[in-house]
Amino acid sequence: MPPVSMPPAEEARSIFSRLGYTVSGDGSEFVAERKWRSVQVTALDTDTVELRRRAIADGGSQTADGDGYGLRCFVTWKEATGNLTDGLKSADTPFEWAVIGVDDGGNYDVVHREAR
C-alpha cells in the first residue's frame, strides 16, 4: 500500500515525462507541456482529496500566480480516485480535467471528464 500521507508527485512527473511532456515546477503542483498543450498537474494524497475537492467546487481553476489553465490533471492514489472524480463531476468545473489513479507499483488508470 502506498504511503497515503504523501502525494504521488514523483509518479505524476514520471507518467507525464514518459508521455513526452516537458515538466516544469516543483512540489505537488507543476505544469506539463507538449506541443500546444499546457496541463496544470496537481498531485494529491488521500488525506487532502476532500479539501481539494471543495476548493475546486469554489472555482479553483487558478494557479497560485493567477494564470488559468483550461486543462487540469489531478493525480492521486487509486483508492482515492472515486471521491475525487465524483467531486469534480458535481462541481461543474470551468476547465477540462482528468484524474490519474496510481499505485505503488507504477501502474495507473486515467479517468476523463465525461462529455457534456
PDB file of N, CA and C in Angstrom:
ATOM      1  N   MET A   1       0.843  -1.184   0.000  1.00  0.00           N
ATOM      2  CA  MET A   1       0.000   0.000   0.000  1.00  0.00           C
ATOM      3  C   MET A   1       0.884   1.242   0.000  1.00  0.00           C
ATOM      4  N   PRO A   2       0.549   2.263  -0.816  1.00  0.00           N
ATOM      5  CA  PRO A   2       1.344   3.481  -0.867  1.00  0.00           C
ATOM      6  C   PRO A   2       1.205   4.299   0.411  1.00  0.00           C
ATOM      7  N   PRO A   3       2.190   5.139   0.684  1.00  0.00           N
ATOM      8  CA  PRO A   3       2.087   5.995   1.861  1.00  0.00           C
ATOM      9  C   PRO A   3       1.037   7.074   1.619  1.00  0.00           C
ATOM     10  N   VAL A   4      -0.106   6.970   2.301  1.00  0.00           N
ATOM     11  CA  VAL A   4      -1.229   7.844   1.993  1.00  0.00           C
ATOM     12  C   VAL A   4      -0.990   9.291   2.385  1.00  0.00           C
ATOM     13  N   SER A   5      -0.008   9.564   3.214  1.00  0.00           N
ATOM     14  CA  SER A   5       0.229  10.946   3.610  1.00  0.00           C
ATOM     15  C   SER A   5       1.096  11.703   2.601  1.00  0.00           C
ATOM     16  N   MET A   6       1.630  11.016   1.607  1.00  0.00           N
ATOM     17  CA  MET A   6       2.481  11.647   0.599  1.00  0.00           C
ATOM     18  C   MET A   6       1.745  11.681  -0.739  1.00  0.00           C
ATOM     19  N   PRO A   7       1.654  12.853  -1.355  1.00  0.00           N
ATOM     20  CA  PRO A   7       1.044  12.892  -2.685  1.00  0.00           C
ATOM     21  C   PRO A   7       1.956  12.205  -3.696  1.00  0.00           C
ATOM     22  N   PRO A   8       1.389  11.579  -4.701  1.00  0.00           N
ATOM     23  CA  PRO A   8       2.187  10.847  -5.693  1.00  0.00           C
ATOM     24  C   PRO A   8       2.810  11.769  -6.745  1.00  0.00           C
ATOM     25  N   ALA A   9       3.548  12.771  -6.301  1.00  0.00           N
ATOM     26  CA  ALA A   9       4.124  13.769  -7.212  1.00  0.00           C
ATOM     27  C   ALA A   9       5.165  13.155  -8.144  1.00  0.00           C
ATOM     28  N   GLU A  10       6.054  12.326  -7.622  1.00  0.00           N
ATOM     29  CA  GLU A  10       7.084  11.716  -8.475  1.00  0.00           C
ATOM     30  C   GLU A  10       6.461  10.781  -9.496  1.00  0.00           C
ATOM     31  N   GLU A  11       5.440  10.049  -9.099  1.00  0.00           N
ATOM     32  CA  GLU A  11       4.733   9.174 -10.034  1.00  0.00           C
ATOM     33  C   GLU A  11       4.091  10.004 -11.144  1.00  0.00           C
ATOM     34  N   ALA A  12       3.497  11.149 -10.773  1.00  0.00           N
ATOM     35  CA  ALA A  12       2.863  12.029 -11.759  1.00  0.00           C
ATOM     36  C   ALA A  12       3.892  12.557 -12.754  1.00  0.00           C
ATOM     37  N   ARG A  13       5.044  13.007 -12.249  1.00  0.00           N
ATOM     38  CA  ARG A  13       6.104  13.514 -13.129  1.00  0.00           C
ATOM     39  C   ARG A  13       6.582  12.425 -14.085  1.00  0.00           C
ATOM     40  N   SER A  14       6.734  11.234 -13.574  1.00  0.00           N
ATOM     41  CA  SER A  14       7.191  10.115 -14.386  1.00  0.00           C
ATOM     42  C   SER A  14       6.192   9.799 -15.505  1.00  0.00           C
ATOM     43  N   ILE A  15       4.916   9.778 -15.177  1.00  0.00           N
ATOM     44  CA  ILE A  15       3.885   9.487 -16.176  1.00  0.00           C
ATOM     45  C   ILE A  15       3.929  10.518 -17.296  1.00  0.00           C
ATOM     46  N   PHE A  16       3.930  11.800 -16.941  1.00  0.00           N
ATOM     47  CA  PHE A  16       3.916  12.845 -17.966  1.00  0.00           C
ATOM     48  C   PHE A  16       5.214  12.856 -18.778  1.00  0.00           C
ATOM     49  N   SER A  17       6.332  12.597 -18.141  1.00  0.00           N
ATOM     50  CA  SER A  17       7.607  12.526 -18.873  1.00  0.00           C
ATOM     51  C   SER A  17       7.593  11.383 -19.880  1.00  0.00           C
ATOM     52  N   ARG A  18       7.087  10.215 -19.475  1.00  0.00           N
ATOM     53  CA  ARG A  18       7.011   9.066 -20.386  1.00  0.00           C
ATOM     54  C   ARG A  18       6.077   9.341 -21.558  1.00  0.00           C
ATOM     55  N   LEU A  19       5.087  10.214 -21.349  1.00  0.00           N
ATOM     56  CA  LEU A  19       4.154  10.568 -22.424  1.00  0.00           C
ATOM     57  C   LEU A  19       4.690  11.668 -23.327  1.00  0.00           C
ATOM     58  N   GLY A  20       5.923  12.124 -23.081  1.00  0.00           N
ATOM     59  CA  GLY A  20       6.557  13.108 -23.943  1.00  0.00           C
ATOM     60  C   GLY A  20       6.333  14.559 -23.553  1.00  0.00           C
ATOM     61  N   TYR A  21       5.822  14.789 -22.358  1.00  0.00           N
ATOM     62  CA  TYR A  21       5.612  16.158 -21.884  1.00  0.00           C
ATOM     63  C   TYR A  21       6.885  16.692 -21.238  1.00  0.00           C
ATOM     64  N   THR A  22       7.087  18.003 -21.337  1.00  0.00           N
ATOM     65  CA  THR A  22       8.132  18.694 -20.594  1.00  0.00           C
ATOM     66  C   THR A  22       7.505  19.134 -19.286  1.00  0.00           C
ATOM     67  N   VAL A  23       8.123  18.765 -18.187  1.00  0.00           N
ATOM     68  CA  VAL A  23       7.578  19.031 -16.862  1.00  0.00           C
ATOM     69  C   VAL A  23       8.369  20.160 -16.215  1.00  0.00           C
ATOM     70  N   SER A  24       7.653  21.174 -15.699  1.00  0.00           N
ATOM     71  CA  SER A  24       8.324  22.274 -15.006  1.00  0.00           C
ATOM     72  C   SER A  24       7.570  22.609 -13.727  1.00  0.00           C
ATOM     73  N   GLY A  25       8.333  23.000 -12.714  1.00  0.00           N
ATOM     74  CA  GLY A  25       7.754  23.320 -11.418  1.00  0.00           C
ATOM     75  C   GLY A  25       8.146  22.290 -10.383  1.00  0.00           C
ATOM     76  N   ASP A  26       8.050  22.707  -9.137  1.00  0.00           N
ATOM     77  CA  ASP A  26       8.434  21.831  -8.035  1.00  0.00           C
ATOM     78  C   ASP A  26       7.222  21.474  -7.189  1.00  0.00           C
ATOM     79  N   GLY A  27       7.410  20.515  -6.315  1.00  0.00           N
ATOM     80  CA  GLY A  27       6.366  20.164  -5.366  1.00  0.00           C
ATOM     81  C   GLY A  27       5.262  19.345  -5.976  1.00  0.00           C
ATOM     82  N   SER A  28       4.089  19.465  -5.366  1.00  0.00           N
ATOM     83  CA  SER A  28       2.967  18.637  -5.797  1.00  0.00           C
ATOM     84  C   SER A  28       2.138  19.287  -6.900  1.00  0.00           C
ATOM     85  N   GLU A  29       2.494  20.507  -7.328  1.00  0.00           N
ATOM     86  CA  GLU A  29       1.829  21.137  -8.469  1.00  0.00           C
ATOM     87  C   GLU A  29       2.886  21.529  -9.486  1.00  0.00           C
ATOM     88  N   PHE A  30       2.629  21.191 -10.753  1.00  0.00           N
ATOM     89  CA  PHE A  30       3.563  21.523 -11.816  1.00  0.00           C
ATOM     90  C   PHE A  30       2.810  21.649 -13.124  1.00  0.00           C
ATOM     91  N   VAL A  31       3.508  22.105 -14.140  1.00  0.00           N
ATOM     92  CA  VAL A  31       2.927  22.248 -15.469  1.00  0.00           C
ATOM     93  C   VAL A  31       3.607  21.246 -16.397  1.00  0.00           C
ATOM     94  N   ALA A  32       2.799  20.554 -17.180  1.00  0.00           N
ATOM     95  CA  ALA A  32       3.296  19.623 -18.181  1.00  0.00           C
ATOM     96  C   ALA A  32       2.923  20.189 -19.550  1.00  0.00           C
ATOM     97  N   GLU A  33       3.921  20.323 -20.435  1.00  0.00           N
ATOM     98  CA  GLU A  33       3.679  20.934 -21.743  1.00  0.00           C
ATOM     99  C   GLU A  33       4.137  20.012 -22.858  1.00  0.00           C
ATOM    100  N   ARG A  34       3.329  19.987 -23.907  1.00  0.00           N
ATOM    101  CA  ARG A  34       3.656  19.210 -25.106  1.00  0.00           C
ATOM    102  C   ARG A  34       2.927  19.847 -26.275  1.00  0.00           C
ATOM    103  N   LYS A  35       3.690  20.211 -27.290  1.00  0.00           N
ATOM    104  CA  LYS A  35       3.149  20.907 -28.458  1.00  0.00           C
ATOM    105  C   LYS A  35       2.384  22.137 -27.994  1.00  0.00           C
ATOM    106  N   TRP A  36       1.128  22.246 -28.325  1.00  0.00           N
ATOM    107  CA  TRP A  36       0.305  23.408 -27.975  1.00  0.00           C
ATOM    108  C   TRP A  36      -0.363  23.273 -26.623  1.00  0.00           C
ATOM    109  N   ARG A  37      -0.206  22.137 -25.981  1.00  0.00           N
ATOM    110  CA  ARG A  37      -0.973  21.804 -24.792  1.00  0.00           C
ATOM    111  C   ARG A  37      -0.197  22.072 -23.509  1.00  0.00           C
ATOM    112  N   SER A  38      -0.806  22.824 -22.591  1.00  0.00           N
ATOM    113  CA  SER A  38      -0.264  23.016 -21.242  1.00  0.00           C
ATOM    114  C   SER A  38      -1.284  22.492 -20.248  1.00  0.00           C
ATOM    115  N   VAL A  39      -0.838  21.615 -19.373  1.00  0.00           N
ATOM    116  CA  VAL A  39      -1.714  20.988 -18.393  1.00  0.00           C
ATOM    117  C   VAL A  39      -1.211  21.322 -17.000  1.00  0.00           C
ATOM    118  N   GLN A  40      -2.089  21.850 -16.157  1.00  0.00           N
ATOM    119  CA  GLN A  40      -1.724  22.041 -14.768  1.00  0.00           C
ATOM    120  C   GLN A  40      -1.969  20.721 -14.060  1.00  0.00           C
ATOM    121  N   VAL A  41      -0.929  20.185 -13.442  1.00  0.00           N
ATOM    122  CA  VAL A  41      -0.999  18.892 -12.773  1.00  0.00           C
ATOM    123  C   VAL A  41      -0.910  19.113 -11.268  1.00  0.00           C
ATOM    124  N   THR A  42      -1.818  18.495 -10.539  1.00  0.00           N
ATOM    125  CA  THR A  42      -1.834  18.584  -9.083  1.00  0.00           C
ATOM    126  C   THR A  42      -1.843  17.175  -8.520  1.00  0.00           C
ATOM    127  N   ALA A  43      -0.812  16.835  -7.747  1.00  0.00           N
ATOM    128  CA  ALA A  43      -0.741  15.534  -7.080  1.00  0.00           C
ATOM    129  C   ALA A  43      -1.329  15.683  -5.684  1.00  0.00           C
ATOM    130  N   LEU A  44      -2.222  14.768  -5.329  1.00  0.00           N
ATOM    131  CA  LEU A  44      -2.933  14.833  -4.048  1.00  0.00           C
ATOM    132  C   LEU A  44      -2.782  13.539  -3.277  1.00  0.00           C
ATOM    133  N   ASP A  45      -2.567  13.649  -1.976  1.00  0.00           N
ATOM    134  CA  ASP A  45      -2.611  12.436  -1.163  1.00  0.00           C
ATOM    135  C   ASP A  45      -4.064  12.164  -0.790  1.00  0.00           C
ATOM    136  N   THR A  46      -4.340  11.026  -0.241  1.00  0.00           N
ATOM    137  CA  THR A  46      -5.724  10.671   0.072  1.00  0.00           C
ATOM    138  C   THR A  46      -6.297  11.525   1.181  1.00  0.00           C
ATOM    139  N   ASP A  47      -5.464  12.136   2.015  1.00  0.00           N
ATOM    140  CA  ASP A  47      -5.959  12.982   3.101  1.00  0.00           C
ATOM    141  C   ASP A  47      -6.409  14.349   2.619  1.00  0.00           C
ATOM    142  N   THR A  48      -5.860  14.843   1.506  1.00  0.00           N
ATOM    143  CA  THR A  48      -6.210  16.187   1.033  1.00  0.00           C
ATOM    144  C   THR A  48      -7.220  16.189  -0.099  1.00  0.00           C
ATOM    145  N   VAL A  49      -7.622  15.024  -0.566  1.00  0.00           N
ATOM    146  CA  VAL A  49      -8.544  14.969  -1.692  1.00  0.00           C
ATOM    147  C   VAL A  49      -9.850  15.686  -1.354  1.00  0.00           C
ATOM    148  N   GLU A  50     -10.414  15.466  -0.180  1.00  0.00           N
ATOM    149  CA  GLU A  50     -11.680  16.110   0.193  1.00  0.00           C
ATOM    150  C   GLU A  50     -11.521  17.629   0.248  1.00  0.00           C
ATOM    151  N   LEU A  51     -10.444  18.103   0.816  1.00  0.00           N
ATOM    152  CA  LEU A  51     -10.221  19.543   0.881  1.00  0.00           C
ATOM    153  C   LEU A  51     -10.052  20.133  -0.510  1.00  0.00           C
ATOM    154  N   ARG A  52      -9.292  19.478  -1.356  1.00  0.00           N
ATOM    155  CA  ARG A  52      -9.076  19.971  -2.719  1.00  0.00           C
ATOM    156  C   ARG A  52     -10.389  19.952  -3.500  1.00  0.00           C
ATOM    157  N   ARG A  53     -11.188  18.945  -3.262  1.00  0.00           N
ATOM    158  CA  ARG A  53     -12.474  18.836  -3.951  1.00  0.00           C
ATOM    159  C   ARG A  53     -13.337  20.055  -3.641  1.00  0.00           C
ATOM    160  N   ARG A  54     -13.345  20.494  -2.399  1.00  0.00           N
ATOM    161  CA  ARG A  54     -14.116  21.678  -2.026  1.00  0.00           C
ATOM    162  C   ARG A  54     -13.552  22.931  -2.699  1.00  0.00           C
ATOM    163  N   ALA A  55     -12.233  23.032  -2.765  1.00  0.00           N
ATOM    164  CA  ALA A  55     -11.613  24.197  -3.401  1.00  0.00           C
ATOM    165  C   ALA A  55     -11.969  24.256  -4.883  1.00  0.00           C
ATOM    166  N   ILE A  56     -11.986  23.119  -5.530  1.00  0.00           N
ATOM    167  CA  ILE A  56     -12.335  23.066  -6.949  1.00  0.00           C
ATOM    168  C   ILE A  56     -13.788  23.478  -7.141  1.00  0.00           C
ATOM    169  N   ALA A  57     -14.652  23.042  -6.249  1.00  0.00           N
ATOM    170  CA  ALA A  57     -16.068  23.384  -6.342  1.00  0.00           C
ATOM    171  C   ALA A  57     -16.271  24.888  -6.214  1.00  0.00           C
ATOM    172  N   ASP A  58     -15.345  25.574  -5.540  1.00  0.00           N
ATOM    173  CA  ASP A  58     -15.430  27.022  -5.383  1.00  0.00           C
ATOM    174  C   ASP A  58     -14.763  27.770  -6.531  1.00  0.00           C
ATOM    175  N   GLY A  59     -14.421  27.073  -7.594  1.00  0.00           N
ATOM    176  CA  GLY A  59     -13.835  27.737  -8.760  1.00  0.00           C
ATOM    177  C   GLY A  59     -12.329  27.728  -8.757  1.00  0.00           C
ATOM    178  N   GLY A  60     -11.705  26.727  -8.154  1.00  0.00           N
ATOM    179  CA  GLY A  60     -10.261  26.690  -8.019  1.00  0.00           C
ATOM    180  C   GLY A  60      -9.520  26.354  -9.290  1.00  0.00           C
ATOM    181  N   SER A  61      -9.810  27.058 -10.371  1.00  0.00           N
ATOM    182  CA  SER A  61      -9.129  26.788 -11.632  1.00  0.00           C
ATOM    183  C   SER A  61      -7.912  27.671 -11.836  1.00  0.00           C
ATOM    184  N   GLN A  62      -7.557  28.478 -10.861  1.00  0.00           N
ATOM    185  CA  GLN A  62      -6.419  29.376 -10.986  1.00  0.00           C
ATOM    186  C   GLN A  62      -5.199  28.797 -10.284  1.00  0.00           C
ATOM    187  N   THR A  63      -4.046  29.056 -10.849  1.00  0.00           N
ATOM    188  CA  THR A  63      -2.802  28.676 -10.203  1.00  0.00           C
ATOM    189  C   THR A  63      -2.454  29.728  -9.166  1.00  0.00           C
ATOM    190  N   ALA A  64      -1.435  29.473  -8.382  1.00  0.00           N
ATOM    191  CA  ALA A  64      -1.039  30.406  -7.328  1.00  0.00           C
ATOM    192  C   ALA A  64      -0.661  31.775  -7.888  1.00  0.00           C
ATOM    193  N   ASP A  65      -0.123  31.821  -9.108  1.00  0.00           N
ATOM    194  CA  ASP A  65       0.276  33.109  -9.673  1.00  0.00           C
ATOM    195  C   ASP A  65      -0.829  33.756 -10.513  1.00  0.00           C
ATOM    196  N   GLY A  66      -2.033  33.176 -10.496  1.00  0.00           N
ATOM    197  CA  GLY A  66      -3.164  33.796 -11.167  1.00  0.00           C
ATOM    198  C   GLY A  66      -3.393  33.352 -12.595  1.00  0.00           C
ATOM    199  N   ASP A  67      -2.500  32.542 -13.148  1.00  0.00           N
ATOM    200  CA  ASP A  67      -2.692  32.060 -14.509  1.00  0.00           C
ATOM    201  C   ASP A  67      -3.716  30.926 -14.511  1.00  0.00           C
ATOM    202  N   GLY A  68      -4.631  30.982 -15.445  1.00  0.00           N
ATOM    203  CA  GLY A  68      -5.615  29.920 -15.558  1.00  0.00           C
ATOM    204  C   GLY A  68      -5.169  28.873 -16.568  1.00  0.00           C
ATOM    205  N   TYR A  69      -5.569  27.641 -16.362  1.00  0.00           N
ATOM    206  CA  TYR A  69      -5.279  26.559 -17.295  1.00  0.00           C
ATOM    207  C   TYR A  69      -6.591  25.917 -17.677  1.00  0.00           C
ATOM    208  N   GLY A  70      -6.795  25.744 -18.970  1.00  0.00           N
ATOM    209  CA  GLY A  70      -8.012  25.099 -19.435  1.00  0.00           C
ATOM    210  C   GLY A  70      -7.980  23.598 -19.279  1.00  0.00           C
ATOM    211  N   LEU A  71      -6.779  23.037 -19.105  1.00  0.00           N
ATOM    212  CA  LEU A  71      -6.614  21.591 -18.930  1.00  0.00           C
ATOM    213  C   LEU A  71      -5.996  21.331 -17.573  1.00  0.00           C
ATOM    214  N   ARG A  72      -6.649  20.498 -16.783  1.00  0.00           N
ATOM    215  CA  ARG A  72      -6.149  20.161 -15.441  1.00  0.00           C
ATOM    216  C   ARG A  72      -6.078  18.650 -15.316  1.00  0.00           C
ATOM    217  N   CYS A  73      -5.089  18.183 -14.589  1.00  0.00           N
ATOM    218  CA  CYS A  73      -4.978  16.765 -14.287  1.00  0.00           C
ATOM    219  C   CYS A  73      -4.684  16.632 -12.807  1.00  0.00           C
ATOM    220  N   PHE A  74      -5.437  15.786 -12.143  1.00  0.00           N
ATOM    221  CA  PHE A  74      -5.257  15.519 -10.727  1.00  0.00           C
ATOM    222  C   PHE A  74      -4.766  14.088 -10.594  1.00  0.00           C
ATOM    223  N   VAL A  75      -3.659  13.921  -9.871  1.00  0.00           N
ATOM    224  CA  VAL A  75      -3.065  12.597  -9.703  1.00  0.00           C
ATOM    225  C   VAL A  75      -3.141  12.245  -8.228  1.00  0.00           C
ATOM    226  N   THR A  76      -3.711  11.083  -7.941  1.00  0.00           N
ATOM    227  CA  THR A  76      -3.831  10.623  -6.565  1.00  0.00           C
ATOM    228  C   THR A  76      -3.667   9.110  -6.531  1.00  0.00           C
ATOM    229  N   TRP A  77      -3.659   8.552  -5.338  1.00  0.00           N
ATOM    230  CA  TRP A  77      -3.566   7.101  -5.196  1.00  0.00           C
ATOM    231  C   TRP A  77      -4.885   6.491  -5.663  1.00  0.00           C
ATOM    232  N   LYS A  78      -4.824   5.297  -6.224  1.00  0.00           N
ATOM    233  CA  LYS A  78      -6.000   4.669  -6.835  1.00  0.00           C
ATOM    234  C   LYS A  78      -7.207   4.629  -5.911  1.00  0.00           C
ATOM    235  N   GLU A  79      -6.991   4.386  -4.626  1.00  0.00           N
ATOM    236  CA  GLU A  79      -8.142   4.256  -3.731  1.00  0.00           C
ATOM    237  C   GLU A  79      -8.890   5.565  -3.516  1.00  0.00           C
ATOM    238  N   ALA A  80      -8.318   6.688  -3.911  1.00  0.00           N
ATOM    239  CA  ALA A  80      -8.966   7.991  -3.718  1.00  0.00           C
ATOM    240  C   ALA A  80      -9.584   8.546  -5.001  1.00  0.00           C
ATOM    241  N   THR A  81      -9.444   7.850  -6.113  1.00  0.00           N
ATOM    242  CA  THR A  81      -9.914   8.409  -7.383  1.00  0.00           C
ATOM    243  C   THR A  81     -11.426   8.559  -7.444  1.00  0.00           C
ATOM    244  N   GLY A  82     -12.158   7.655  -6.835  1.00  0.00           N
ATOM    245  CA  GLY A  82     -13.618   7.729  -6.882  1.00  0.00           C
ATOM    246  C   GLY A  82     -14.150   9.003  -6.244  1.00  0.00           C
ATOM    247  N   ASN A  83     -13.678   9.313  -5.034  1.00  0.00           N
ATOM    248  CA  ASN A  83     -14.127  10.525  -4.348  1.00  0.00           C
ATOM    249  C   ASN A  83     -13.760  11.776  -5.127  1.00  0.00           C
ATOM    250  N   LEU A  84     -12.540  11.817  -5.638  1.00  0.00           N
ATOM    251  CA  LEU A  84     -12.089  12.991  -6.378  1.00  0.00           C
ATOM    252  C   LEU A  84     -12.877  13.162  -7.668  1.00  0.00           C
ATOM    253  N   THR A  85     -13.069  12.088  -8.398  1.00  0.00           N
ATOM    254  CA  THR A  85     -13.825  12.141  -9.656  1.00  0.00           C
ATOM    255  C   THR A  85     -15.265  12.578  -9.405  1.00  0.00           C
ATOM    256  N   ASP A  86     -15.890  12.016  -8.377  1.00  0.00           N
ATOM    257  CA  ASP A  86     -17.260  12.411  -8.049  1.00  0.00           C
ATOM    258  C   ASP A  86     -17.343  13.895  -7.716  1.00  0.00           C
ATOM    259  N   GLY A  87     -16.374  14.389  -6.960  1.00  0.00           N
ATOM    260  CA  GLY A  87     -16.355  15.804  -6.602  1.00  0.00           C
ATOM    261  C   GLY A  87     -16.181  16.702  -7.806  1.00  0.00           C
ATOM    262  N   LEU A  88     -15.311  16.306  -8.721  1.00  0.00           N
ATOM    263  CA  LEU A  88     -15.103  17.102  -9.932  1.00  0.00           C
ATOM    264  C   LEU A  88     -16.346  17.116 -10.814  1.00  0.00           C
ATOM    265  N   LYS A  89     -16.991  15.956 -10.938  1.00  0.00           N
ATOM    266  CA  LYS A  89     -18.204  15.883 -11.754  1.00  0.00           C
ATOM    267  C   LYS A  89     -19.307  16.768 -11.183  1.00  0.00           C
ATOM    268  N   SER A  90     -19.470  16.748  -9.882  1.00  0.00           N
ATOM    269  CA  SER A  90     -20.538  17.538  -9.271  1.00  0.00           C
ATOM    270  C   SER A  90     -20.209  19.024  -9.220  1.00  0.00           C
ATOM    271  N   ALA A  91     -18.933  19.394  -9.358  1.00  0.00           N
ATOM    272  CA  ALA A  91     -18.531  20.799  -9.269  1.00  0.00           C
ATOM    273  C   ALA A  91     -18.808  21.575 -10.549  1.00  0.00           C
ATOM    274  N   ASP A  92     -19.029  20.895 -11.668  1.00  0.00           N
ATOM    275  CA  ASP A  92     -19.234  21.568 -12.956  1.00  0.00           C
ATOM    276  C   ASP A  92     -18.124  22.594 -13.181  1.00  0.00           C
ATOM    277  N   THR A  93     -16.910  22.112 -13.191  1.00  0.00           N
ATOM    278  CA  THR A  93     -15.724  22.958 -13.285  1.00  0.00           C
ATOM    279  C   THR A  93     -15.644  23.706 -14.618  1.00  0.00           C
ATOM    280  N   PRO A  94     -14.984  24.862 -14.618  1.00  0.00           N
ATOM    281  CA  PRO A  94     -14.828  25.637 -15.851  1.00  0.00           C
ATOM    282  C   PRO A  94     -13.668  25.157 -16.712  1.00  0.00           C
ATOM    283  N   PHE A  95     -13.031  24.067 -16.352  1.00  0.00           N
ATOM    284  CA  PHE A  95     -11.880  23.548 -17.081  1.00  0.00           C
ATOM    285  C   PHE A  95     -12.094  22.087 -17.424  1.00  0.00           C
ATOM    286  N   GLU A  96     -11.394  21.627 -18.452  1.00  0.00           N
ATOM    287  CA  GLU A  96     -11.387  20.206 -18.787  1.00  0.00           C
ATOM    288  C   GLU A  96     -10.441  19.513 -17.818  1.00  0.00           C
ATOM    289  N   TRP A  97     -10.782  18.300 -17.395  1.00  0.00           N
ATOM    290  CA  TRP A  97      -9.957  17.630 -16.407  1.00  0.00           C
ATOM    291  C   TRP A  97      -9.859  16.134 -16.659  1.00  0.00           C
ATOM    292  N   ALA A  98      -8.847  15.561 -16.019  1.00  0.00           N
ATOM    293  CA  ALA A  98      -8.674  14.115 -15.955  1.00  0.00           C
ATOM    294  C   ALA A  98      -8.129  13.797 -14.569  1.00  0.00           C
ATOM    295  N   VAL A  99      -8.393  12.590 -14.113  1.00  0.00           N
ATOM    296  CA  VAL A  99      -7.853  12.102 -12.852  1.00  0.00           C
ATOM    297  C   VAL A  99      -7.028  10.867 -13.166  1.00  0.00           C
ATOM    298  N   ILE A 100      -5.818  10.822 -12.633  1.00  0.00           N
ATOM    299  CA  ILE A 100      -4.970   9.641 -12.774  1.00  0.00           C
ATOM    300  C   ILE A 100      -4.838   9.004 -11.396  1.00  0.00           C
ATOM    301  N   GLY A 101      -5.182   7.746 -11.310  1.00  0.00           N
ATOM    302  CA  GLY A 101      -5.022   6.979 -10.072  1.00  0.00           C
ATOM    303  C   GLY A 101      -3.808   6.084 -10.207  1.00  0.00           C
ATOM    304  N   VAL A 102      -2.839   6.230  -9.300  1.00  0.00           N
ATOM    305  CA  VAL A 102      -1.602   5.453  -9.371  1.00  0.00           C
ATOM    306  C   VAL A 102      -1.512   4.494  -8.192  1.00  0.00           C
ATOM    307  N   ASP A 103      -0.725   3.435  -8.370  1.00  0.00           N
ATOM    308  CA  ASP A 103      -0.427   2.547  -7.249  1.00  0.00           C
ATOM    309  C   ASP A 103       1.079   2.541  -7.025  1.00  0.00           C
ATOM    310  N   ASP A 104       1.513   1.889  -5.970  1.00  0.00           N
ATOM    311  CA  ASP A 104       2.936   1.915  -5.625  1.00  0.00           C
ATOM    312  C   ASP A 104       3.789   1.086  -6.572  1.00  0.00           C
ATOM    313  N   GLY A 105       3.168   0.363  -7.503  1.00  0.00           N
ATOM    314  CA  GLY A 105       3.902  -0.413  -8.488  1.00  0.00           C
ATOM    315  C   GLY A 105       4.134   0.326  -9.794  1.00  0.00           C
ATOM    316  N   GLY A 106       3.695   1.579  -9.872  1.00  0.00           N
ATOM    317  CA  GLY A 106       3.880   2.352 -11.097  1.00  0.00           C
ATOM    318  C   GLY A 106       2.757   2.205 -12.100  1.00  0.00           C
ATOM    319  N   ASN A 107       1.733   1.429 -11.769  1.00  0.00           N
ATOM    320  CA  ASN A 107       0.585   1.271 -12.651  1.00  0.00           C
ATOM    321  C   ASN A 107      -0.376   2.428 -12.429  1.00  0.00           C
ATOM    322  N   TYR A 108      -1.118   2.783 -13.486  1.00  0.00           N
ATOM    323  CA  TYR A 108      -2.069   3.874 -13.337  1.00  0.00           C
ATOM    324  C   TYR A 108      -3.274   3.698 -14.246  1.00  0.00           C
ATOM    325  N   ASP A 109      -4.374   4.336 -13.843  1.00  0.00           N
ATOM    326  CA  ASP A 109      -5.606   4.394 -14.614  1.00  0.00           C
ATOM    327  C   ASP A 109      -5.959   5.855 -14.806  1.00  0.00           C
ATOM    328  N   VAL A 110      -6.569   6.174 -15.948  1.00  0.00           N
ATOM    329  CA  VAL A 110      -6.959   7.546 -16.248  1.00  0.00           C
ATOM    330  C   VAL A 110      -8.480   7.614 -16.357  1.00  0.00           C
ATOM    331  N   VAL A 111      -9.058   8.616 -15.686  1.00  0.00           N
ATOM    332  CA  VAL A 111     -10.493   8.892 -15.787  1.00  0.00           C
ATOM    333  C   VAL A 111     -10.629  10.283 -16.388  1.00  0.00           C
ATOM    334  N   HIS A 112     -11.345  10.409 -17.498  1.00  0.00           N
ATOM    335  CA  HIS A 112     -11.553  11.700 -18.157  1.00  0.00           C
ATOM    336  C   HIS A 112     -12.896  12.260 -17.772  1.00  0.00           C
ATOM    337  N   ARG A 113     -13.006  13.575 -17.868  1.00  0.00           N
ATOM    338  CA  ARG A 113     -14.306  14.225 -17.682  1.00  0.00           C
ATOM    339  C   ARG A 113     -15.230  13.723 -18.779  1.00  0.00           C
ATOM    340  N   GLU A 114     -16.434  13.382 -18.407  1.00  0.00           N
ATOM    341  CA  GLU A 114     -17.388  12.918 -19.399  1.00  0.00           C
ATOM    342  C   GLU A 114     -17.852  14.082 -20.250  1.00  0.00           C
ATOM    343  N   ALA A 115     -18.081  13.804 -21.517  1.00  0.00           N
ATOM    344  CA  ALA A 115     -18.583  14.840 -22.430  1.00  0.00           C
ATOM    345  C   ALA A 115     -19.952  15.304 -21.977  1.00  0.00           C
ATOM    346  N   ARG A 116     -20.192  16.580 -22.143  1.00  0.00           N
ATOM    347  CA  ARG A 116     -21.491  17.134 -21.730  1.00  0.00           C
ATOM    348  C   ARG A 116     -22.549  16.894 -22.757  1.00  0.00           C
TER     349      ARG A 116
END
